[in-house]
N, C-alpha and C. Protein backbone atom coordinates (compact mmCIF):
# COMPACT_ATOMS: atom_id res chain seq x y z
N MET A 1 -35.64 20.90 30.44
CA MET A 1 -34.85 20.84 29.23
C MET A 1 -35.71 20.26 28.12
N PRO A 2 -35.67 20.88 26.95
CA PRO A 2 -36.46 20.38 25.82
C PRO A 2 -36.04 18.99 25.39
N ALA A 3 -36.82 18.40 24.54
CA ALA A 3 -36.60 17.02 24.11
C ALA A 3 -35.30 16.83 23.33
N ASP A 4 -34.73 17.87 22.76
CA ASP A 4 -33.52 17.72 21.95
C ASP A 4 -32.34 18.48 22.55
N PRO A 5 -31.64 17.89 23.53
CA PRO A 5 -30.51 18.59 24.13
C PRO A 5 -29.38 18.85 23.15
N ALA A 6 -29.23 18.03 22.12
CA ALA A 6 -28.16 18.24 21.13
C ALA A 6 -28.36 19.59 20.42
N HIS A 7 -29.61 19.95 20.18
CA HIS A 7 -29.91 21.24 19.55
C HIS A 7 -29.44 22.38 20.44
N HIS A 8 -29.71 22.28 21.73
CA HIS A 8 -29.30 23.33 22.67
C HIS A 8 -27.78 23.36 22.83
N ALA A 9 -27.15 22.20 22.78
CA ALA A 9 -25.69 22.16 22.83
C ALA A 9 -25.10 22.85 21.60
N ALA A 10 -25.70 22.64 20.44
CA ALA A 10 -25.22 23.29 19.22
C ALA A 10 -25.39 24.81 19.31
N LEU A 11 -26.50 25.28 19.88
CA LEU A 11 -26.70 26.71 20.07
C LEU A 11 -25.65 27.29 21.00
N LEU A 12 -25.37 26.59 22.09
CA LEU A 12 -24.33 27.04 23.01
C LEU A 12 -22.97 27.08 22.33
N ALA A 13 -22.64 26.05 21.56
CA ALA A 13 -21.36 26.01 20.86
C ALA A 13 -21.24 27.19 19.90
N ALA A 14 -22.31 27.49 19.18
CA ALA A 14 -22.29 28.62 18.25
C ALA A 14 -22.06 29.93 19.00
N TYR A 15 -22.72 30.10 20.14
CA TYR A 15 -22.53 31.29 20.95
C TYR A 15 -21.10 31.38 21.46
N LEU A 16 -20.59 30.27 22.01
CA LEU A 16 -19.26 30.27 22.61
C LEU A 16 -18.14 30.36 21.59
N ALA A 17 -18.41 30.06 20.34
CA ALA A 17 -17.38 30.13 19.30
C ALA A 17 -16.80 31.54 19.19
N GLN A 18 -17.59 32.56 19.50
CA GLN A 18 -17.08 33.92 19.41
C GLN A 18 -15.98 34.20 20.42
N PHE A 19 -15.89 33.40 21.47
CA PHE A 19 -14.87 33.60 22.49
C PHE A 19 -13.66 32.70 22.28
N ASP A 20 -13.72 31.83 21.30
CA ASP A 20 -12.61 30.95 21.00
C ASP A 20 -11.73 31.63 19.96
N LEU A 21 -10.73 30.94 19.46
CA LEU A 21 -9.81 31.55 18.51
C LEU A 21 -10.54 32.24 17.37
N ALA A 22 -10.17 33.48 17.15
CA ALA A 22 -10.74 34.27 16.06
C ALA A 22 -9.59 35.05 15.45
N THR A 23 -9.04 34.57 14.37
CA THR A 23 -7.81 35.14 13.81
C THR A 23 -7.96 36.60 13.39
N ASP A 24 -9.15 37.06 13.13
CA ASP A 24 -9.32 38.45 12.72
C ASP A 24 -9.14 39.42 13.88
N ARG A 25 -9.07 38.95 15.11
CA ARG A 25 -8.90 39.84 16.28
C ARG A 25 -7.46 39.87 16.77
N ALA A 26 -6.56 39.17 16.11
CA ALA A 26 -5.16 39.12 16.56
C ALA A 26 -4.53 40.51 16.47
N SER A 27 -3.72 40.82 17.47
CA SER A 27 -2.96 42.07 17.46
C SER A 27 -1.59 41.82 18.07
N GLU A 28 -0.64 42.70 17.75
CA GLU A 28 0.72 42.51 18.23
C GLU A 28 0.83 42.67 19.74
N GLU A 29 0.04 43.56 20.34
CA GLU A 29 0.16 43.79 21.78
C GLU A 29 -0.63 42.81 22.64
N SER A 30 -1.42 41.96 22.05
CA SER A 30 -2.23 41.01 22.79
C SER A 30 -1.37 39.83 23.24
N THR A 31 -1.54 39.42 24.51
CA THR A 31 -0.82 38.24 25.00
C THR A 31 -1.50 36.96 24.57
N HIS A 32 -2.76 37.06 24.19
CA HIS A 32 -3.52 35.92 23.69
C HIS A 32 -4.14 36.30 22.35
N PRO A 33 -3.32 36.40 21.31
CA PRO A 33 -3.88 36.84 20.03
C PRO A 33 -5.00 35.93 19.56
N GLY A 34 -6.02 36.55 18.99
CA GLY A 34 -7.11 35.79 18.42
C GLY A 34 -8.27 35.53 19.37
N TYR A 35 -8.16 35.88 20.64
CA TYR A 35 -9.24 35.65 21.58
C TYR A 35 -10.02 36.93 21.83
N ALA A 36 -11.29 36.78 22.12
CA ALA A 36 -12.11 37.93 22.51
C ALA A 36 -11.54 38.50 23.80
N ASP A 37 -11.80 39.75 24.05
CA ASP A 37 -11.26 40.42 25.23
C ASP A 37 -12.04 40.05 26.48
N VAL A 38 -11.70 38.90 27.06
CA VAL A 38 -12.28 38.45 28.32
C VAL A 38 -11.13 38.05 29.23
N PRO A 39 -11.31 38.12 30.55
CA PRO A 39 -10.25 37.72 31.48
C PRO A 39 -9.81 36.28 31.25
N ASP A 40 -8.57 35.97 31.63
CA ASP A 40 -8.01 34.63 31.40
C ASP A 40 -8.88 33.52 31.98
N THR A 41 -9.39 33.70 33.20
CA THR A 41 -10.20 32.64 33.80
C THR A 41 -11.50 32.44 33.03
N ASP A 42 -12.10 33.53 32.58
CA ASP A 42 -13.32 33.42 31.77
C ASP A 42 -13.02 32.76 30.44
N ARG A 43 -11.89 33.13 29.84
CA ARG A 43 -11.51 32.56 28.55
C ARG A 43 -11.33 31.06 28.66
N ALA A 44 -10.67 30.62 29.72
CA ALA A 44 -10.45 29.18 29.92
C ALA A 44 -11.78 28.45 30.12
N GLN A 45 -12.67 29.02 30.91
CA GLN A 45 -13.98 28.41 31.16
C GLN A 45 -14.80 28.35 29.87
N ARG A 46 -14.80 29.43 29.12
CA ARG A 46 -15.56 29.47 27.88
C ARG A 46 -15.01 28.49 26.85
N HIS A 47 -13.68 28.37 26.80
CA HIS A 47 -13.07 27.41 25.88
C HIS A 47 -13.47 25.98 26.25
N GLN A 48 -13.40 25.67 27.54
CA GLN A 48 -13.79 24.33 28.01
C GLN A 48 -15.27 24.07 27.71
N ASP A 49 -16.11 25.04 27.98
CA ASP A 49 -17.54 24.89 27.72
C ASP A 49 -17.80 24.75 26.21
N TYR A 50 -17.06 25.49 25.41
CA TYR A 50 -17.20 25.40 23.95
C TYR A 50 -16.90 23.98 23.48
N GLN A 51 -15.80 23.42 23.97
CA GLN A 51 -15.41 22.06 23.59
C GLN A 51 -16.48 21.05 24.02
N ARG A 52 -16.99 21.21 25.23
CA ARG A 52 -18.03 20.29 25.73
C ARG A 52 -19.31 20.42 24.92
N ALA A 53 -19.71 21.65 24.61
CA ALA A 53 -20.93 21.86 23.83
C ALA A 53 -20.78 21.28 22.43
N LEU A 54 -19.61 21.41 21.82
CA LEU A 54 -19.38 20.80 20.51
C LEU A 54 -19.55 19.30 20.58
N HIS A 55 -18.99 18.70 21.62
CA HIS A 55 -19.11 17.25 21.79
C HIS A 55 -20.58 16.85 21.97
N TRP A 56 -21.27 17.56 22.83
CA TRP A 56 -22.68 17.22 23.10
C TRP A 56 -23.54 17.42 21.86
N ALA A 57 -23.20 18.40 21.03
CA ALA A 57 -24.00 18.66 19.83
C ALA A 57 -23.98 17.46 18.88
N GLN A 58 -22.97 16.61 19.00
CA GLN A 58 -22.84 15.44 18.13
C GLN A 58 -23.27 14.15 18.82
N THR A 59 -23.75 14.26 20.04
CA THR A 59 -24.15 13.10 20.82
C THR A 59 -25.62 12.77 20.55
N SER A 60 -25.90 11.48 20.46
CA SER A 60 -27.29 11.09 20.20
C SER A 60 -28.03 10.67 21.47
N THR A 61 -27.31 10.28 22.52
CA THR A 61 -27.95 9.92 23.78
C THR A 61 -27.33 10.73 24.91
N PHE A 62 -28.17 11.13 25.84
CA PHE A 62 -27.74 11.98 26.95
C PHE A 62 -28.13 11.34 28.28
N THR A 63 -27.19 11.28 29.20
CA THR A 63 -27.50 10.84 30.55
C THR A 63 -28.15 12.00 31.30
N ASP A 64 -28.77 11.69 32.41
CA ASP A 64 -29.36 12.75 33.23
C ASP A 64 -28.29 13.72 33.72
N ILE A 65 -27.09 13.22 33.99
CA ILE A 65 -25.99 14.08 34.44
C ILE A 65 -25.61 15.08 33.36
N VAL A 66 -25.50 14.61 32.12
CA VAL A 66 -25.14 15.50 31.02
C VAL A 66 -26.24 16.53 30.79
N VAL A 67 -27.49 16.12 30.87
CA VAL A 67 -28.60 17.07 30.72
C VAL A 67 -28.52 18.13 31.81
N ASP A 68 -28.22 17.75 33.04
CA ASP A 68 -28.07 18.72 34.13
C ASP A 68 -26.90 19.66 33.87
N GLU A 69 -25.77 19.12 33.38
CA GLU A 69 -24.61 19.96 33.07
C GLU A 69 -24.92 20.93 31.94
N LEU A 70 -25.66 20.48 30.97
CA LEU A 70 -26.06 21.35 29.87
C LEU A 70 -26.98 22.46 30.36
N GLU A 71 -27.90 22.14 31.24
CA GLU A 71 -28.80 23.15 31.81
C GLU A 71 -27.99 24.17 32.63
N THR A 72 -27.02 23.71 33.39
CA THR A 72 -26.16 24.61 34.15
C THR A 72 -25.39 25.54 33.23
N MET A 73 -24.88 24.99 32.13
CA MET A 73 -24.14 25.80 31.17
C MET A 73 -25.07 26.82 30.52
N ARG A 74 -26.29 26.42 30.20
CA ARG A 74 -27.25 27.36 29.60
C ARG A 74 -27.50 28.54 30.54
N ARG A 75 -27.66 28.26 31.83
CA ARG A 75 -27.88 29.34 32.80
C ARG A 75 -26.64 30.22 32.92
N ARG A 76 -25.45 29.62 32.91
CA ARG A 76 -24.20 30.37 33.05
C ARG A 76 -24.10 31.46 31.97
N TYR A 77 -24.57 31.17 30.77
CA TYR A 77 -24.44 32.11 29.67
C TYR A 77 -25.74 32.86 29.36
N GLY A 78 -26.70 32.79 30.25
CA GLY A 78 -27.90 33.60 30.14
C GLY A 78 -28.96 33.09 29.18
N PHE A 79 -28.88 31.82 28.80
CA PHE A 79 -29.93 31.27 27.96
C PHE A 79 -31.15 31.00 28.83
N PRO A 80 -32.33 31.33 28.34
CA PRO A 80 -33.53 31.17 29.17
C PRO A 80 -33.84 29.70 29.46
N ARG A 81 -34.42 29.48 30.60
CA ARG A 81 -34.89 28.13 30.94
C ARG A 81 -36.16 27.85 30.20
N ARG A 82 -36.38 26.62 29.89
CA ARG A 82 -37.59 26.24 29.16
C ARG A 82 -38.53 25.52 30.09
């Protein structure tokens, strides 16, 4: 993991934002208006990861556990290892 995990958390949050509420995608037939078209379980995981990445992006100190969780999240979404 690079020296600045907050930077990588911010990149993840920016990526995951596309799967969170997006009012321009709302439709009458959608059961989850405003969300990208992903399965419910994926949507829930992406929303949780988005919230965590936003939090980490504002954090100034990181424990080894958080750095490991961030690395796991990076791999989950296809971000290359450094």
